[in-house]
Amino acid sequence: MGNTVSLQREVCVRFGARFLEAPDESTLGIALPTIGSLPLNGLRHPPDRGTSGWFVWAGETLSDDPEFFVPMHVSHLRDECPEVLPYLGLEPGWRFLLAPGYEDVWFDESLLHA
């Protein structure tokens, strides 16, 4: 994970965000059936009870189906969706959208109050 943390810190510096680690043993919400589609999306709420606060999905639609996201340990992203790993050090309130040749990272204060 050492190299991943370095990449995460670099992303935080690039966007002026504070670094807050998403430990391997913490969980995130992931929409597994969507992975493989584009774009890749992520948003971070404040961590709570062992969660990292991250939600990750792919595609253009964020579903409100309560079963859209399933819990997964951050460590499993290396196999399921390694492209998002460099962004997981962004503190709560940050979002990202990734596609080939495209990267958008921004702060969304509403995520801190949801």
PDB file of N, CA and C in Angstrom:
ATOM      1  N   MET A   1       0.825  -1.207   0.000  1.00  0.00           N
ATOM      2  CA  MET A   1       0.000   0.000   0.000  1.00  0.00           C
ATOM      3  C   MET A   1       0.858   1.255   0.000  1.00  0.00           C
ATOM      4  N   GLY A   2       2.160   1.138   0.343  1.00  0.00           N
ATOM      5  CA  GLY A   2       3.029   2.298   0.429  1.00  0.00           C
ATOM      6  C   GLY A   2       3.019   3.158  -0.814  1.00  0.00           C
ATOM      7  N   ASN A   3       3.158   2.546  -1.996  1.00  0.00           N
ATOM      8  CA  ASN A   3       3.152   3.303  -3.233  1.00  0.00           C
ATOM      9  C   ASN A   3       1.787   3.928  -3.486  1.00  0.00           C
ATOM     10  N   THR A   4       0.724   3.238  -3.124  1.00  0.00           N
ATOM     11  CA  THR A   4      -0.622   3.769  -3.297  1.00  0.00           C
ATOM     12  C   THR A   4      -0.819   5.017  -2.452  1.00  0.00           C
ATOM     13  N   VAL A   5      -0.334   4.995  -1.233  1.00  0.00           N
ATOM     14  CA  VAL A   5      -0.456   6.173  -0.363  1.00  0.00           C
ATOM     15  C   VAL A   5       0.305   7.351  -0.966  1.00  0.00           C
ATOM     16  N   SER A   6       1.476   7.099  -1.538  1.00  0.00           N
ATOM     17  CA  SER A   6       2.236   8.174  -2.198  1.00  0.00           C
ATOM     18  C   SER A   6       1.435   8.773  -3.347  1.00  0.00           C
ATOM     19  N   LEU A   7       0.816   7.919  -4.156  1.00  0.00           N
ATOM     20  CA  LEU A   7      -0.014   8.407  -5.267  1.00  0.00           C
ATOM     21  C   LEU A   7      -1.207   9.199  -4.748  1.00  0.00           C
ATOM     22  N   GLN A   8      -1.808   8.725  -3.661  1.00  0.00           N
ATOM     23  CA  GLN A   8      -2.944   9.434  -3.083  1.00  0.00           C
ATOM     24  C   GLN A   8      -2.538  10.805  -2.567  1.00  0.00           C
ATOM     25  N   ARG A   9      -1.387  10.870  -1.936  1.00  0.00           N
ATOM     26  CA  ARG A   9      -0.904  12.171  -1.448  1.00  0.00           C
ATOM     27  C   ARG A   9      -0.642  13.126  -2.615  1.00  0.00           C
ATOM     28  N   GLU A  10      -0.110  12.607  -3.712  1.00  0.00           N
ATOM     29  CA  GLU A  10       0.144  13.439  -4.898  1.00  0.00           C
ATOM     30  C   GLU A  10      -1.160  14.005  -5.458  1.00  0.00           C
ATOM     31  N   VAL A  11      -2.197  13.176  -5.515  1.00  0.00           N
ATOM     32  CA  VAL A  11      -3.498  13.648  -5.999  1.00  0.00           C
ATOM     33  C   VAL A  11      -4.013  14.756  -5.089  1.00  0.00           C
ATOM     34  N   CYS A  12      -3.893  14.575  -3.799  1.00  0.00           N
ATOM     35  CA  CYS A  12      -4.359  15.595  -2.849  1.00  0.00           C
ATOM     36  C   CYS A  12      -3.616  16.914  -3.048  1.00  0.00           C
ATOM     37  N   VAL A  13      -2.317  16.848  -3.229  1.00  0.00           N
ATOM     38  CA  VAL A  13      -1.522  18.059  -3.456  1.00  0.00           C
ATOM     39  C   VAL A  13      -1.971  18.742  -4.747  1.00  0.00           C
ATOM     40  N   ARG A  14      -2.168  17.951  -5.791  1.00  0.00           N
ATOM     41  CA  ARG A  14      -2.572  18.500  -7.091  1.00  0.00           C
ATOM     42  C   ARG A  14      -3.875  19.272  -7.018  1.00  0.00           C
ATOM     43  N   PHE A  15      -4.813  18.814  -6.186  1.00  0.00           N
ATOM     44  CA  PHE A  15      -6.128  19.441  -6.127  1.00  0.00           C
ATOM     45  C   PHE A  15      -6.337  20.296  -4.879  1.00  0.00           C
ATOM     46  N   GLY A  16      -5.312  20.425  -4.049  1.00  0.00           N
ATOM     47  CA  GLY A  16      -5.424  21.267  -2.861  1.00  0.00           C
ATOM     48  C   GLY A  16      -6.316  20.684  -1.791  1.00  0.00           C
ATOM     49  N   ALA A  17      -6.369  19.366  -1.718  1.00  0.00           N
ATOM     50  CA  ALA A  17      -7.201  18.695  -0.718  1.00  0.00           C
ATOM     51  C   ALA A  17      -6.315  18.162   0.402  1.00  0.00           C
ATOM     52  N   ARG A  18      -6.900  18.046   1.586  1.00  0.00           N
ATOM     53  CA  ARG A  18      -6.199  17.369   2.673  1.00  0.00           C
ATOM     54  C   ARG A  18      -6.234  15.872   2.416  1.00  0.00           C
ATOM     55  N   PHE A  19      -5.190  15.181   2.874  1.00  0.00           N
ATOM     56  CA  PHE A  19      -5.118  13.729   2.752  1.00  0.00           C
ATOM     57  C   PHE A  19      -5.791  13.089   3.954  1.00  0.00           C
ATOM     58  N   LEU A  20      -6.678  12.145   3.695  1.00  0.00           N
ATOM     59  CA  LEU A  20      -7.271  11.335   4.747  1.00  0.00           C
ATOM     60  C   LEU A  20      -7.304   9.909   4.219  1.00  0.00           C
ATOM     61  N   GLU A  21      -6.462   9.065   4.771  1.00  0.00           N
ATOM     62  CA  GLU A  21      -6.330   7.695   4.300  1.00  0.00           C
ATOM     63  C   GLU A  21      -7.646   6.934   4.384  1.00  0.00           C
ATOM     64  N   ALA A  22      -7.865   6.087   3.401  1.00  0.00           N
ATOM     65  CA  ALA A  22      -8.959   5.115   3.429  1.00  0.00           C
ATOM     66  C   ALA A  22      -8.276   3.768   3.677  1.00  0.00           C
ATOM     67  N   PRO A  23      -8.156   3.353   4.930  1.00  0.00           N
ATOM     68  CA  PRO A  23      -7.394   2.143   5.253  1.00  0.00           C
ATOM     69  C   PRO A  23      -7.936   0.905   4.528  1.00  0.00           C
ATOM     70  N   ASP A  24      -7.024   0.003   4.206  1.00  0.00           N
ATOM     71  CA  ASP A  24      -7.390  -1.234   3.510  1.00  0.00           C
ATOM     72  C   ASP A  24      -8.516  -1.991   4.193  1.00  0.00           C
ATOM     73  N   GLU A  25      -8.533  -1.972   5.524  1.00  0.00           N
ATOM     74  CA  GLU A  25      -9.541  -2.744   6.249  1.00  0.00           C
ATOM     75  C   GLU A  25     -10.879  -2.014   6.369  1.00  0.00           C
ATOM     76  N   SER A  26     -10.937  -0.754   5.958  1.00  0.00           N
ATOM     77  CA  SER A  26     -12.210  -0.035   5.978  1.00  0.00           C
ATOM     78  C   SER A  26     -13.040  -0.464   4.765  1.00  0.00           C
ATOM     79  N   THR A  27     -14.316  -0.165   4.824  1.00  0.00           N
ATOM     80  CA  THR A  27     -15.200  -0.549   3.727  1.00  0.00           C
ATOM     81  C   THR A  27     -15.632   0.678   2.931  1.00  0.00           C
ATOM     82  N   LEU A  28     -16.096   0.403   1.739  1.00  0.00           N
ATOM     83  CA  LEU A  28     -16.688   1.426   0.881  1.00  0.00           C
ATOM     84  C   LEU A  28     -17.898   0.806   0.232  1.00  0.00           C
ATOM     85  N   GLY A  29     -18.713   1.626  -0.381  1.00  0.00           N
ATOM     86  CA  GLY A  29     -19.843   1.124  -1.142  1.00  0.00           C
ATOM     87  C   GLY A  29     -19.459   1.102  -2.603  1.00  0.00           C
ATOM     88  N   ILE A  30     -19.682  -0.021  -3.275  1.00  0.00           N
ATOM     89  CA  ILE A  30     -19.340  -0.132  -4.688  1.00  0.00           C
ATOM     90  C   ILE A  30     -20.513  -0.761  -5.441  1.00  0.00           C
ATOM     91  N   ALA A  31     -20.771  -0.249  -6.619  1.00  0.00           N
ATOM     92  CA  ALA A  31     -21.815  -0.800  -7.480  1.00  0.00           C
ATOM     93  C   ALA A  31     -21.124  -1.769  -8.443  1.00  0.00           C
ATOM     94  N   LEU A  32     -20.887  -2.979  -7.972  1.00  0.00           N
ATOM     95  CA  LEU A  32     -20.115  -3.963  -8.736  1.00  0.00           C
ATOM     96  C   LEU A  32     -20.644  -4.226 -10.148  1.00  0.00           C
ATOM     97  N   PRO A  33     -21.950  -4.370 -10.358  1.00  0.00           N
ATOM     98  CA  PRO A  33     -22.408  -4.657 -11.722  1.00  0.00           C
ATOM     99  C   PRO A  33     -22.078  -3.557 -12.735  1.00  0.00           C
ATOM    100  N   THR A  34     -21.815  -2.340 -12.247  1.00  0.00           N
ATOM    101  CA  THR A  34     -21.531  -1.237 -13.169  1.00  0.00           C
ATOM    102  C   THR A  34     -20.058  -1.169 -13.554  1.00  0.00           C
ATOM    103  N   ILE A  35     -19.186  -1.778 -12.761  1.00  0.00           N
ATOM    104  CA  ILE A  35     -17.748  -1.669 -13.002  1.00  0.00           C
ATOM    105  C   ILE A  35     -17.422  -2.294 -14.347  1.00  0.00           C
ATOM    106  N   GLY A  36     -16.662  -1.555 -15.137  1.00  0.00           N
ATOM    107  CA  GLY A  36     -16.371  -1.942 -16.508  1.00  0.00           C
ATOM    108  C   GLY A  36     -16.994  -0.948 -17.480  1.00  0.00           C
ATOM    109  N   SER A  37     -17.996  -0.201 -17.003  1.00  0.00           N
ATOM    110  CA  SER A  37     -18.588   0.874 -17.788  1.00  0.00           C
ATOM    111  C   SER A  37     -17.796   2.152 -17.548  1.00  0.00           C
ATOM    112  N   LEU A  38     -18.116   3.182 -18.301  1.00  0.00           N
ATOM    113  CA  LEU A  38     -17.473   4.479 -18.124  1.00  0.00           C
ATOM    114  C   LEU A  38     -18.547   5.548 -18.031  1.00  0.00           C
ATOM    115  N   PRO A  39     -18.263   6.621 -17.348  1.00  0.00           N
ATOM    116  CA  PRO A  39     -17.048   6.936 -16.597  1.00  0.00           C
ATOM    117  C   PRO A  39     -17.055   6.271 -15.222  1.00  0.00           C
ATOM    118  N   LEU A  40     -15.905   6.318 -14.562  1.00  0.00           N
ATOM    119  CA  LEU A  40     -15.792   5.879 -13.170  1.00  0.00           C
ATOM    120  C   LEU A  40     -16.100   7.065 -12.281  1.00  0.00           C
ATOM    121  N   ASN A  41     -16.903   6.865 -11.252  1.00  0.00           N
ATOM    122  CA  ASN A  41     -17.319   7.935 -10.349  1.00  0.00           C
ATOM    123  C   ASN A  41     -17.016   7.556  -8.911  1.00  0.00           C
ATOM    124  N   GLY A  42     -16.702   8.545  -8.118  1.00  0.00           N
ATOM    125  CA  GLY A  42     -16.535   8.328  -6.693  1.00  0.00           C
ATOM    126  C   GLY A  42     -16.899   9.569  -5.918  1.00  0.00           C
ATOM    127  N   LEU A  43     -17.422   9.374  -4.730  1.00  0.00           N
ATOM    128  CA  LEU A  43     -17.701  10.490  -3.828  1.00  0.00           C
ATOM    129  C   LEU A  43     -17.457  10.011  -2.411  1.00  0.00           C
ATOM    130  N   ARG A  44     -17.040  10.971  -1.574  1.00  0.00           N
ATOM    131  CA  ARG A  44     -16.699  10.599  -0.196  1.00  0.00           C
ATOM    132  C   ARG A  44     -17.499  11.393   0.821  1.00  0.00           C
ATOM    133  N   HIS A  45     -18.277  10.653   1.610  1.00  0.00           N
ATOM    134  CA  HIS A  45     -18.947  11.194   2.785  1.00  0.00           C
ATOM    135  C   HIS A  45     -17.985  11.054   3.968  1.00  0.00           C
ATOM    136  N   PRO A  46     -18.271  11.657   5.097  1.00  0.00           N
ATOM    137  CA  PRO A  46     -17.429  11.441   6.278  1.00  0.00           C
ATOM    138  C   PRO A  46     -17.410   9.960   6.677  1.00  0.00           C
ATOM    139  N   PRO A  47     -16.244   9.436   7.038  1.00  0.00           N
ATOM    140  CA  PRO A  47     -16.157   8.042   7.498  1.00  0.00           C
ATOM    141  C   PRO A  47     -17.036   7.828   8.731  1.00  0.00           C
ATOM    142  N   ASP A  48     -17.545   6.597   8.854  1.00  0.00           N
ATOM    143  CA  ASP A  48     -18.432   6.290   9.967  1.00  0.00           C
ATOM    144  C   ASP A  48     -18.373   4.800  10.277  1.00  0.00           C
ATOM    145  N   ARG A  49     -18.127   4.444  11.504  1.00  0.00           N
ATOM    146  CA  ARG A  49     -18.149   3.055  11.985  1.00  0.00           C
ATOM    147  C   ARG A  49     -17.422   2.073  11.070  1.00  0.00           C
ATOM    148  N   GLY A  50     -16.159   2.344  10.768  1.00  0.00           N
ATOM    149  CA  GLY A  50     -15.350   1.421   9.982  1.00  0.00           C
ATOM    150  C   GLY A  50     -15.459   1.578   8.484  1.00  0.00           C
ATOM    151  N   THR A  51     -16.287   2.529   8.049  1.00  0.00           N
ATOM    152  CA  THR A  51     -16.362   2.783   6.611  1.00  0.00           C
ATOM    153  C   THR A  51     -15.375   3.878   6.246  1.00  0.00           C
ATOM    154  N   SER A  52     -14.982   3.908   4.997  1.00  0.00           N
ATOM    155  CA  SER A  52     -14.089   4.962   4.509  1.00  0.00           C
ATOM    156  C   SER A  52     -14.874   6.202   4.104  1.00  0.00           C
ATOM    157  N   GLY A  53     -16.177   6.029   3.893  1.00  0.00           N
ATOM    158  CA  GLY A  53     -17.010   7.124   3.405  1.00  0.00           C
ATOM    159  C   GLY A  53     -17.134   7.137   1.883  1.00  0.00           C
ATOM    160  N   TRP A  54     -16.353   6.313   1.187  1.00  0.00           N
ATOM    161  CA  TRP A  54     -16.352   6.302  -0.273  1.00  0.00           C
ATOM    162  C   TRP A  54     -17.484   5.466  -0.859  1.00  0.00           C
ATOM    163  N   PHE A  55     -18.022   5.967  -1.972  1.00  0.00           N
ATOM    164  CA  PHE A  55     -18.967   5.236  -2.808  1.00  0.00           C
ATOM    165  C   PHE A  55     -18.432   5.323  -4.230  1.00  0.00           C
ATOM    166  N   VAL A  56     -18.346   4.176  -4.903  1.00  0.00           N
ATOM    167  CA  VAL A  56     -17.756   4.097  -6.237  1.00  0.00           C
ATOM    168  C   VAL A  56     -18.731   3.380  -7.161  1.00  0.00           C
ATOM    169  N   TRP A  57     -18.917   3.924  -8.368  1.00  0.00           N
ATOM    170  CA  TRP A  57     -19.756   3.300  -9.378  1.00  0.00           C
ATOM    171  C   TRP A  57     -19.254   3.708 -10.757  1.00  0.00           C
ATOM    172  N   ALA A  58     -19.753   3.045 -11.766  1.00  0.00           N
ATOM    173  CA  ALA A  58     -19.381   3.379 -13.141  1.00  0.00           C
ATOM    174  C   ALA A  58     -20.648   3.630 -13.948  1.00  0.00           C
ATOM    175  N   GLY A  59     -20.490   4.413 -14.989  1.00  0.00           N
ATOM    176  CA  GLY A  59     -21.619   4.762 -15.840  1.00  0.00           C
ATOM    177  C   GLY A  59     -22.118   6.158 -15.538  1.00  0.00           C
ATOM    178  N   GLU A  60     -23.133   6.552 -16.260  1.00  0.00           N
ATOM    179  CA  GLU A  60     -23.613   7.931 -16.163  1.00  0.00           C
ATOM    180  C   GLU A  60     -24.760   8.123 -15.183  1.00  0.00           C
ATOM    181  N   THR A  61     -25.258   7.027 -14.610  1.00  0.00           N
ATOM    182  CA  THR A  61     -26.425   7.133 -13.738  1.00  0.00           C
ATOM    183  C   THR A  61     -26.109   6.613 -12.338  1.00  0.00           C
ATOM    184  N   LEU A  62     -26.433   7.414 -11.358  1.00  0.00           N
ATOM    185  CA  LEU A  62     -26.333   7.011  -9.956  1.00  0.00           C
ATOM    186  C   LEU A  62     -27.729   6.586  -9.510  1.00  0.00           C
ATOM    187  N   SER A  63     -27.884   5.314  -9.236  1.00  0.00           N
ATOM    188  CA  SER A  63     -29.196   4.778  -8.872  1.00  0.00           C
ATOM    189  C   SER A  63     -29.538   5.103  -7.417  1.00  0.00           C
ATOM    190  N   ASP A  64     -30.818   5.242  -7.142  1.00  0.00           N
ATOM    191  CA  ASP A  64     -31.263   5.404  -5.754  1.00  0.00           C
ATOM    192  C   ASP A  64     -31.772   4.076  -5.180  1.00  0.00           C
ATOM    193  N   ASP A  65     -31.572   2.985  -5.910  1.00  0.00           N
ATOM    194  CA  ASP A  65     -31.922   1.647  -5.428  1.00  0.00           C
ATOM    195  C   ASP A  65     -31.073   1.349  -4.193  1.00  0.00           C
ATOM    196  N   PRO A  66     -31.686   0.971  -3.073  1.00  0.00           N
ATOM    197  CA  PRO A  66     -30.909   0.722  -1.857  1.00  0.00           C
ATOM    198  C   PRO A  66     -29.921  -0.436  -1.998  1.00  0.00           C
ATOM    199  N   GLU A  67     -30.054  -1.255  -3.031  1.00  0.00           N
ATOM    200  CA  GLU A  67     -29.116  -2.353  -3.249  1.00  0.00           C
ATOM    201  C   GLU A  67     -28.094  -2.055  -4.347  1.00  0.00           C
ATOM    202  N   PHE A  68     -28.047  -0.810  -4.818  1.00  0.00           N
ATOM    203  CA  PHE A  68     -27.102  -0.406  -5.867  1.00  0.00           C
ATOM    204  C   PHE A  68     -25.664  -0.597  -5.392  1.00  0.00           C
ATOM    205  N   PHE A  69     -25.384  -0.185  -4.168  1.00  0.00           N
ATOM    206  CA  PHE A  69     -24.043  -0.314  -3.596  1.00  0.00           C
ATOM    207  C   PHE A  69     -23.984  -1.510  -2.658  1.00  0.00           C
ATOM    208  N   VAL A  70     -22.877  -2.230  -2.714  1.00  0.00           N
ATOM    209  CA  VAL A  70     -22.611  -3.306  -1.760  1.00  0.00           C
ATOM    210  C   VAL A  70     -21.318  -2.964  -1.033  1.00  0.00           C
ATOM    211  N   PRO A  71     -21.162  -3.418   0.204  1.00  0.00           N
ATOM    212  CA  PRO A  71     -19.927  -3.117   0.937  1.00  0.00           C
ATOM    213  C   PRO A  71     -18.765  -3.965   0.426  1.00  0.00           C
ATOM    214  N   MET A  72     -17.590  -3.358   0.430  1.00  0.00           N
ATOM    215  CA  MET A  72     -16.365  -4.040   0.035  1.00  0.00           C
ATOM    216  C   MET A  72     -15.214  -3.403   0.796  1.00  0.00           C
ATOM    217  N   HIS A  73     -14.254  -4.221   1.207  1.00  0.00           N
ATOM    218  CA  HIS A  73     -13.057  -3.666   1.827  1.00  0.00           C
ATOM    219  C   HIS A  73     -12.237  -2.930   0.768  1.00  0.00           C
ATOM    220  N   VAL A  74     -11.654  -1.826   1.166  1.00  0.00           N
ATOM    221  CA  VAL A  74     -10.826  -1.031   0.261  1.00  0.00           C
ATOM    222  C   VAL A  74      -9.739  -1.898  -0.378  1.00  0.00           C
ATOM    223  N   SER A  75      -9.186  -2.837   0.368  1.00  0.00           N
ATOM    224  CA  SER A  75      -8.106  -3.683  -0.155  1.00  0.00           C
ATOM    225  C   SER A  75      -8.520  -4.457  -1.412  1.00  0.00           C
ATOM    226  N   HIS A  76      -9.797  -4.755  -1.578  1.00  0.00           N
ATOM    227  CA  HIS A  76     -10.256  -5.526  -2.736  1.00  0.00           C
ATOM    228  C   HIS A  76     -10.341  -4.689  -4.014  1.00  0.00           C
ATOM    229  N   LEU A  77     -10.206  -3.382  -3.898  1.00  0.00           N
ATOM    230  CA  LEU A  77     -10.231  -2.546  -5.104  1.00  0.00           C
ATOM    231  C   LEU A  77      -9.048  -2.826  -6.018  1.00  0.00           C
ATOM    232  N   ARG A  78      -7.961  -3.334  -5.474  1.00  0.00           N
ATOM    233  CA  ARG A  78      -6.805  -3.660  -6.314  1.00  0.00           C
ATOM    234  C   ARG A  78      -7.197  -4.639  -7.417  1.00  0.00           C
ATOM    235  N   ASP A  79      -8.150  -5.509  -7.119  1.00  0.00           N
ATOM    236  CA  ASP A  79      -8.617  -6.480  -8.108  1.00  0.00           C
ATOM    237  C   ASP A  79      -9.841  -5.987  -8.877  1.00  0.00           C
ATOM    238  N   GLU A  80     -10.735  -5.296  -8.218  1.00  0.00           N
ATOM    239  CA  GLU A  80     -12.018  -4.927  -8.819  1.00  0.00           C
ATOM    240  C   GLU A  80     -11.993  -3.622  -9.612  1.00  0.00           C
ATOM    241  N   CYS A  81     -11.248  -2.621  -9.125  1.00  0.00           N
ATOM    242  CA  CYS A  81     -11.295  -1.300  -9.767  1.00  0.00           C
ATOM    243  C   CYS A  81     -10.059  -0.480  -9.364  1.00  0.00           C
ATOM    244  N   PRO A  82      -8.853  -0.933  -9.765  1.00  0.00           N
ATOM    245  CA  PRO A  82      -7.622  -0.276  -9.309  1.00  0.00           C
ATOM    246  C   PRO A  82      -7.469   1.168  -9.779  1.00  0.00           C
ATOM    247  N   GLU A  83      -8.186   1.563 -10.825  1.00  0.00           N
ATOM    248  CA  GLU A  83      -8.078   2.929 -11.353  1.00  0.00           C
ATOM    249  C   GLU A  83      -8.455   3.993 -10.337  1.00  0.00           C
ATOM    250  N   VAL A  84      -9.293   3.639  -9.365  1.00  0.00           N
ATOM    251  CA  VAL A  84      -9.758   4.643  -8.405  1.00  0.00           C
ATOM    252  C   VAL A  84      -8.821   4.799  -7.208  1.00  0.00           C
ATOM    253  N   LEU A  85      -7.911   3.866  -7.010  1.00  0.00           N
ATOM    254  CA  LEU A  85      -7.055   3.882  -5.822  1.00  0.00           C
ATOM    255  C   LEU A  85      -6.323   5.209  -5.592  1.00  0.00           C
ATOM    256  N   PRO A  86      -5.764   5.857  -6.619  1.00  0.00           N
ATOM    257  CA  PRO A  86      -5.051   7.116  -6.359  1.00  0.00           C
ATOM    258  C   PRO A  86      -5.921   8.230  -5.783  1.00  0.00           C
ATOM    259  N   TYR A  87      -7.228   8.123  -5.904  1.00  0.00           N
ATOM    260  CA  TYR A  87      -8.137   9.193  -5.465  1.00  0.00           C
ATOM    261  C   TYR A  87      -8.688   8.975  -4.059  1.00  0.00           C
ATOM    262  N   LEU A  88      -8.443   7.824  -3.480  1.00  0.00           N
ATOM    263  CA  LEU A  88      -9.074   7.491  -2.204  1.00  0.00           C
ATOM    264  C   LEU A  88      -8.467   8.179  -0.996  1.00  0.00           C
ATOM    265  N   GLY A  89      -7.448   8.987  -1.177  1.00  0.00           N
ATOM    266  CA  GLY A  89      -6.902   9.779  -0.082  1.00  0.00           C
ATOM    267  C   GLY A  89      -7.554  11.144   0.044  1.00  0.00           C
ATOM    268  N   LEU A  90      -8.403  11.500  -0.935  1.00  0.00           N
ATOM    269  CA  LEU A  90      -9.109  12.784  -0.866  1.00  0.00           C
ATOM    270  C   LEU A  90     -10.029  12.784   0.347  1.00  0.00           C
ATOM    271  N   GLU A  91     -10.044  13.885   1.054  1.00  0.00           N
ATOM    272  CA  GLU A  91     -10.849  13.974   2.274  1.00  0.00           C
ATOM    273  C   GLU A  91     -12.347  13.982   1.950  1.00  0.00           C
ATOM    274  N   PRO A  92     -13.197  13.764   2.944  1.00  0.00           N
ATOM    275  CA  PRO A  92     -14.645  13.817   2.726  1.00  0.00           C
ATOM    276  C   PRO A  92     -15.064  15.128   2.067  1.00  0.00           C
ATOM    277  N   GLY A  93     -16.040  14.999   1.181  1.00  0.00           N
ATOM    278  CA  GLY A  93     -16.535  16.148   0.430  1.00  0.00           C
ATOM    279  C   GLY A  93     -16.014  16.181  -1.000  1.00  0.00           C
ATOM    280  N   TRP A  94     -15.071  15.323  -1.326  1.00  0.00           N
ATOM    281  CA  TRP A  94     -14.492  15.321  -2.665  1.00  0.00           C
ATOM    282  C   TRP A  94     -15.139  14.257  -3.526  1.00  0.00           C
ATOM    283  N   ARG A  95     -15.145  14.547  -4.822  1.00  0.00           N
ATOM    284  CA  ARG A  95     -15.702  13.649  -5.840  1.00  0.00           C
ATOM    285  C   ARG A  95     -14.711  13.520  -6.978  1.00  0.00           C
ATOM    286  N   PHE A  96     -14.851  12.460  -7.759  1.00  0.00           N
ATOM    287  CA  PHE A  96     -14.070  12.344  -8.993  1.00  0.00           C
ATOM    288  C   PHE A  96     -14.907  11.681 -10.076  1.00  0.00           C
ATOM    289  N   LEU A  97     -14.529  11.963 -11.315  1.00  0.00           N
ATOM    290  CA  LEU A  97     -15.112  11.349 -12.496  1.00  0.00           C
ATOM    291  C   LEU A  97     -13.947  11.088 -13.446  1.00  0.00           C
ATOM    292  N   LEU A  98     -13.791   9.832 -13.856  1.00  0.00           N
ATOM    293  CA  LEU A  98     -12.647   9.426 -14.673  1.00  0.00           C
ATOM    294  C   LEU A  98     -13.118   8.710 -15.930  1.00  0.00           C
ATOM    295  N   ALA A  99     -12.456   9.018 -17.039  1.00  0.00           N
ATOM    296  CA  ALA A  99     -12.669   8.326 -18.309  1.00  0.00           C
ATOM    297  C   ALA A  99     -11.337   8.387 -19.053  1.00  0.00           C
ATOM    298  N   PRO A 100     -11.153   7.592 -20.071  1.00  0.00           N
ATOM    299  CA  PRO A 100      -9.883   7.650 -20.806  1.00  0.00           C
ATOM    300  C   PRO A 100      -9.573   9.076 -21.269  1.00  0.00           C
ATOM    301  N   GLY A 101      -8.428   9.582 -20.852  1.00  0.00           N
ATOM    302  CA  GLY A 101      -8.014  10.934 -21.226  1.00  0.00           C
ATOM    303  C   GLY A 101      -8.769  12.044 -20.525  1.00  0.00           C
ATOM    304  N   TYR A 102      -9.550  11.721 -19.500  1.00  0.00           N
ATOM    305  CA  TYR A 102     -10.355  12.725 -18.806  1.00  0.00           C
ATOM    306  C   TYR A 102     -10.335  12.471 -17.307  1.00  0.00           C
ATOM    307  N   GLU A 103     -10.143  13.546 -16.556  1.00  0.00           N
ATOM    308  CA  GLU A 103     -10.145  13.482 -15.099  1.00  0.00           C
ATOM    309  C   GLU A 103     -10.795  14.750 -14.576  1.00  0.00           C
ATOM    310  N   ASP A 104     -11.816  14.601 -13.753  1.00  0.00           N
ATOM    311  CA  ASP A 104     -12.449  15.741 -13.104  1.00  0.00           C
ATOM    312  C   ASP A 104     -12.520  15.420 -11.617  1.00  0.00           C
ATOM    313  N   VAL A 105     -11.990  16.316 -10.806  1.00  0.00           N
ATOM    314  CA  VAL A 105     -11.966  16.143  -9.355  1.00  0.00           C
ATOM    315  C   VAL A 105     -12.435  17.459  -8.752  1.00  0.00           C
ATOM    316  N   TRP A 106     -13.435  17.398  -7.854  1.00  0.00           N
ATOM    317  CA  TRP A 106     -13.963  18.632  -7.295  1.00  0.00           C
ATOM    318  C   TRP A 106     -14.509  18.400  -5.900  1.00  0.00           C
ATOM    319  N   PHE A 107     -14.638  19.522  -5.177  1.00  0.00           N
ATOM    320  CA  PHE A 107     -15.166  19.502  -3.821  1.00  0.00           C
ATOM    321  C   PHE A 107     -16.654  19.791  -3.889  1.00  0.00           C
ATOM    322  N   ASP A 108     -17.434  19.001  -3.145  1.00  0.00           N
ATOM    323  CA  ASP A 108     -18.892  19.134  -3.086  1.00  0.00           C
ATOM    324  C   ASP A 108     -19.278  19.169  -1.604  1.00  0.00           C
ATOM    325  N   GLU A 109     -19.447  20.364  -1.082  1.00  0.00           N
ATOM    326  CA  GLU A 109     -19.719  20.521   0.352  1.00  0.00           C
ATOM    327  C   GLU A 109     -20.982  19.791   0.804  1.00  0.00           C
ATOM    328  N   SER A 110     -21.932  19.586  -0.095  1.00  0.00           N
ATOM    329  CA  SER A 110     -23.171  18.914   0.296  1.00  0.00           C
ATOM    330  C   SER A 110     -22.911  17.494   0.795  1.00  0.00           C
ATOM    331  N   LEU A 111     -21.806  16.873   0.399  1.00  0.00           N
ATOM    332  CA  LEU A 111     -21.486  15.523   0.859  1.00  0.00           C
ATOM    333  C   LEU A 111     -21.161  15.487   2.357  1.00  0.00           C
ATOM    334  N   LEU A 112     -20.811  16.623   2.917  1.00  0.00           N
ATOM    335  CA  LEU A 112     -20.479  16.683   4.331  1.00  0.00           C
ATOM    336  C   LEU A 112     -21.709  16.747   5.206  1.00  0.00           C
ATOM    337  N   HIS A 113     -22.851  17.015   4.604  1.00  0.00           N
ATOM    338  CA  HIS A 113     -24.089  17.206   5.367  1.00  0.00           C
ATOM    339  C   HIS A 113     -25.160  16.196   5.005  1.00  0.00           C
ATOM    340  N   ALA A 114     -24.814  15.210   4.215  1.00  0.00           N
ATOM    341  CA  ALA A 114     -25.821  14.231   3.763  1.00  0.00           C
ATOM    342  C   ALA A 114     -26.063  13.173   4.803  1.00  0.00           C
TER     343      ALA A 114
END
